C-alpha atoms as a PDB file:
ATOM      1  CA  MET A   1      16.251  21.406  -0.342  1.00  0.00           C
ATOM      2  CA  SER A   2      14.787  22.665  -3.598  1.00  0.00           C
ATOM      3  CA  ALA A   3      11.822  21.070  -5.323  1.00  0.00           C
ATOM      4  CA  THR A   4      14.054  19.790  -8.129  1.00  0.00           C
ATOM      5  CA  ALA A   5      16.429  18.138  -5.683  1.00  0.00           C
ATOM      6  CA  SER A   6      13.459  16.539  -3.910  1.00  0.00           C
ATOM      7  CA  VAL A   7      12.195  15.070  -7.166  1.00  0.00           C
ATOM      8  CA  TRP A   8      15.595  13.618  -8.031  1.00  0.00           C
ATOM      9  CA  LEU A   9      15.977  12.227  -4.522  1.00  0.00           C
ATOM     10  CA  VAL A  10      12.639  10.412  -4.819  1.00  0.00           C
ATOM     11  CA  ILE A  11      13.583   9.027  -8.249  1.00  0.00           C
ATOM     12  CA  VAL A  12      16.921   7.717  -6.954  1.00  0.00           C
ATOM     13  CA  LEU A  13      15.276   6.237  -3.843  1.00  0.00           C
ATOM     14  CA  ALA A  14      12.640   4.562  -6.016  1.00  0.00           C
ATOM     15  CA  ALA A  15      15.276   3.022  -8.294  1.00  0.00           C
ATOM     16  CA  LEU A  16      17.258   1.752  -5.302  1.00  0.00           C
ATOM     17  CA  GLY A  17      14.171   0.545  -3.464  1.00  0.00           C
ATOM     18  CA  ALA A  18      12.874  -1.331  -6.481  1.00  0.00           C
ATOM     19  CA  ASN A  19      16.180  -3.128  -7.089  1.00  0.00           C
ATOM     20  CA  LEU A  20      17.351  -3.866  -3.532  1.00  0.00           C
ATOM     21  CA  PRO A  21      15.149  -6.956  -3.024  1.00  0.00           C
ATOM     22  CA  PHE A  22      16.715  -8.544  -6.108  1.00  0.00           C
ATOM     23  CA  LEU A  23      20.303  -7.548  -5.349  1.00  0.00           C
ATOM     24  CA  SER A  24      20.401  -8.770  -1.750  1.00  0.00           C
ATOM     25  CA  GLN A  25      19.935 -12.238  -0.264  1.00  0.00           C
ATOM     26  CA  ARG A  26      19.275 -10.711   3.159  1.00  0.00           C
ATOM     27  CA  TRP A  27      15.759 -10.223   4.532  1.00  0.00           C
ATOM     28  CA  LEU A  28      14.834  -6.540   4.198  1.00  0.00           C
ATOM     29  CA  VAL A  29      18.409  -5.841   3.060  1.00  0.00           C
ATOM     30  CA  VAL A  30      19.842  -5.712   6.612  1.00  0.00           C
ATOM     31  CA  GLY A  31      18.395  -8.851   8.230  1.00  0.00           C
ATOM     32  CA  PRO A  32      19.834 -12.358   8.349  1.00  0.00           C
ATOM     33  CA  LYS A  33      20.918 -14.004   5.111  1.00  0.00           C
ATOM     34  CA  ALA A  34      18.246 -16.214   3.550  1.00  0.00           C
ATOM     35  CA  VAL A  35      19.302 -19.843   3.276  1.00  0.00           C
ATOM     36  CA  PRO A  36      19.281 -21.359   0.663  1.00  0.00           C
ATOM     37  CA  ALA A  37      17.759 -18.444  -1.234  1.00  0.00           C
ATOM     38  CA  LYS A  38      15.038 -15.870  -0.809  1.00  0.00           C
ATOM     39  CA  PRO A  39      11.865 -16.936  -2.651  1.00  0.00           C
ATOM     40  CA  MET A  40      10.335 -14.711  -5.312  1.00  0.00           C
ATOM     41  CA  ALA A  41       7.279 -14.042  -3.119  1.00  0.00           C
ATOM     42  CA  ALA A  42       9.530 -12.618  -0.397  1.00  0.00           C
ATOM     43  CA  ARG A  43      11.266 -10.383  -2.925  1.00  0.00           C
ATOM     44  CA  LEU A  44       7.908  -9.082  -4.149  1.00  0.00           C
ATOM     45  CA  ALA A  45       6.730  -8.480  -0.568  1.00  0.00           C
ATOM     46  CA  GLU A  46       9.911  -6.514   0.140  1.00  0.00           C
ATOM     47  CA  MET A  47       9.350  -4.547  -3.045  1.00  0.00           C
ATOM     48  CA  VAL A  48       5.808  -3.620  -1.944  1.00  0.00           C
ATOM     49  CA  LEU A  49       7.099  -2.568   1.475  1.00  0.00           C
ATOM     50  CA  LEU A  50       9.826  -0.427  -0.107  1.00  0.00           C
ATOM     51  CA  TYR A  51       7.221   1.109  -2.469  1.00  0.00           C
ATOM     52  CA  PHE A  52       5.358   2.399   0.581  1.00  0.00           C
ATOM     53  CA  VAL A  53       8.578   3.570   2.259  1.00  0.00           C
ATOM     54  CA  VAL A  54       9.575   5.561  -0.842  1.00  0.00           C
ATOM     55  CA  GLY A  55       6.019   6.903  -1.064  1.00  0.00           C
ATOM     56  CA  GLY A  56       6.243   8.038   2.556  1.00  0.00           C
ATOM     57  CA  VAL A  57       9.528   9.831   1.903  1.00  0.00           C
ATOM     58  CA  ALA A  58       7.983  11.488  -1.152  1.00  0.00           C
ATOM     59  CA  LEU A  59       4.989  12.569   0.918  1.00  0.00           C
ATOM     60  CA  LEU A  60       7.245  14.096   3.579  1.00  0.00           C
ATOM     61  CA  LEU A  61       9.269  15.958   0.952  1.00  0.00           C
ATOM     62  CA  GLU A  62       6.084  17.218  -0.709  1.00  0.00           C
ATOM     63  CA  ARG A  63       4.808  18.447   2.655  1.00  0.00           C
ATOM     64  CA  ARG A  64       8.062  20.371   3.201  1.00  0.00           C
ATOM     65  CA  VAL A  65       7.786  22.084  -0.194  1.00  0.00           C
ATOM     66  CA  GLY A  66       4.133  23.080   0.123  1.00  0.00           C
ATOM     67  CA  GLN A  67       0.613  21.776   0.236  1.00  0.00           C
ATOM     68  CA  ILE A  68       0.072  18.069  -0.463  1.00  0.00           C
ATOM     69  CA  ALA A  69      -1.923  17.568  -3.645  1.00  0.00           C
ATOM     70  CA  PRO A  70      -4.811  15.086  -3.344  1.00  0.00           C
ATOM     71  CA  GLN A  71      -4.381  12.021  -5.554  1.00  0.00           C
ATOM     72  CA  GLN A  72      -6.807   9.528  -7.072  1.00  0.00           C
ATOM     73  CA  TRP A  73      -6.284   5.815  -7.706  1.00  0.00           C
ATOM     74  CA  GLU A  74      -4.740   6.506 -11.139  1.00  0.00           C
ATOM     75  CA  PHE A  75      -1.735   8.189  -9.526  1.00  0.00           C
ATOM     76  CA  TYR A  76      -1.029   5.152  -7.353  1.00  0.00           C
ATOM     77  CA  ALA A  77      -1.503   2.751 -10.273  1.00  0.00           C
ATOM     78  CA  ILE A  78       1.008   4.705 -12.355  1.00  0.00           C
ATOM     79  CA  THR A  79       3.575   4.996  -9.552  1.00  0.00           C
ATOM     80  CA  ALA A  80       3.303   1.266  -8.780  1.00  0.00           C
ATOM     81  CA  THR A  81       3.812   0.468 -12.459  1.00  0.00           C
ATOM     82  CA  LEU A  82       6.817   2.801 -12.585  1.00  0.00           C
ATOM     83  CA  PHE A  83       8.253   1.139  -9.461  1.00  0.00           C
ATOM     84  CA  ILE A  84       7.892  -2.298 -11.075  1.00  0.00           C
ATOM     85  CA  THR A  85       9.534  -0.982 -14.251  1.00  0.00           C
ATOM     86  CA  LEU A  86      12.446   0.396 -12.226  1.00  0.00           C
ATOM     87  CA  ALA A  87      12.921  -3.097 -10.721  1.00  0.00           C
ATOM     88  CA  PHE A  88      13.675  -4.600 -14.146  1.00  0.00           C
ATOM     89  CA  PRO A  89      17.511  -4.382 -13.919  1.00  0.00           C
ATOM     90  CA  GLY A  90      17.523  -6.136 -10.545  1.00  0.00           C
ATOM     91  CA  PHE A  91      15.177  -8.841 -11.832  1.00  0.00           C
ATOM     92  CA  ILE A  92      17.418  -9.427 -14.853  1.00  0.00           C
ATOM     93  CA  TYR A  93      20.478  -9.628 -12.608  1.00  0.00           C
ATOM     94  CA  ARG A  94      18.872 -12.118 -10.212  1.00  0.00           C
ATOM     95  CA  TYR A  95      16.952 -14.422 -12.569  1.00  0.00           C
ATOM     96  CA  LEU A  96      18.093 -14.051 -16.179  1.00  0.00           C
ATOM     97  CA  LEU A  97      21.822 -13.307 -16.063  1.00  0.00           C
ATOM     98  CA  ARG A  98      24.008 -16.371 -16.499  1.00  0.00           C
ATOM     99  CA  ARG A  99      26.549 -16.943 -13.782  1.00  0.00           C
ATOM    100  CA  LYS A 100      29.635 -19.101 -13.875  1.00  0.00           C
ATOM    101  CA  ALA A 101      29.235 -22.046 -11.517  1.00  0.00           C
END
């Protein structure tokens, strides 16, 4: 896999990982369905877990391409902020979009 394909794969995984907690009523997407509804705190916890999963995949892909570059706290702050920004469509769908009853 080329470096460009790896970058796009991580971006797509990040967008999916950020939105999945808001699009699914199931615990960790594949678990039992939450009754009556999954609380916001659970969605945020799932989002944090998926942030680390996507980060792990990115780390593995970076290791395959070459040497892993050391990162400081600023890198992680920016990637966490980007992950939260990518979750915006799922948040809008779950909490702000009007549904017919």
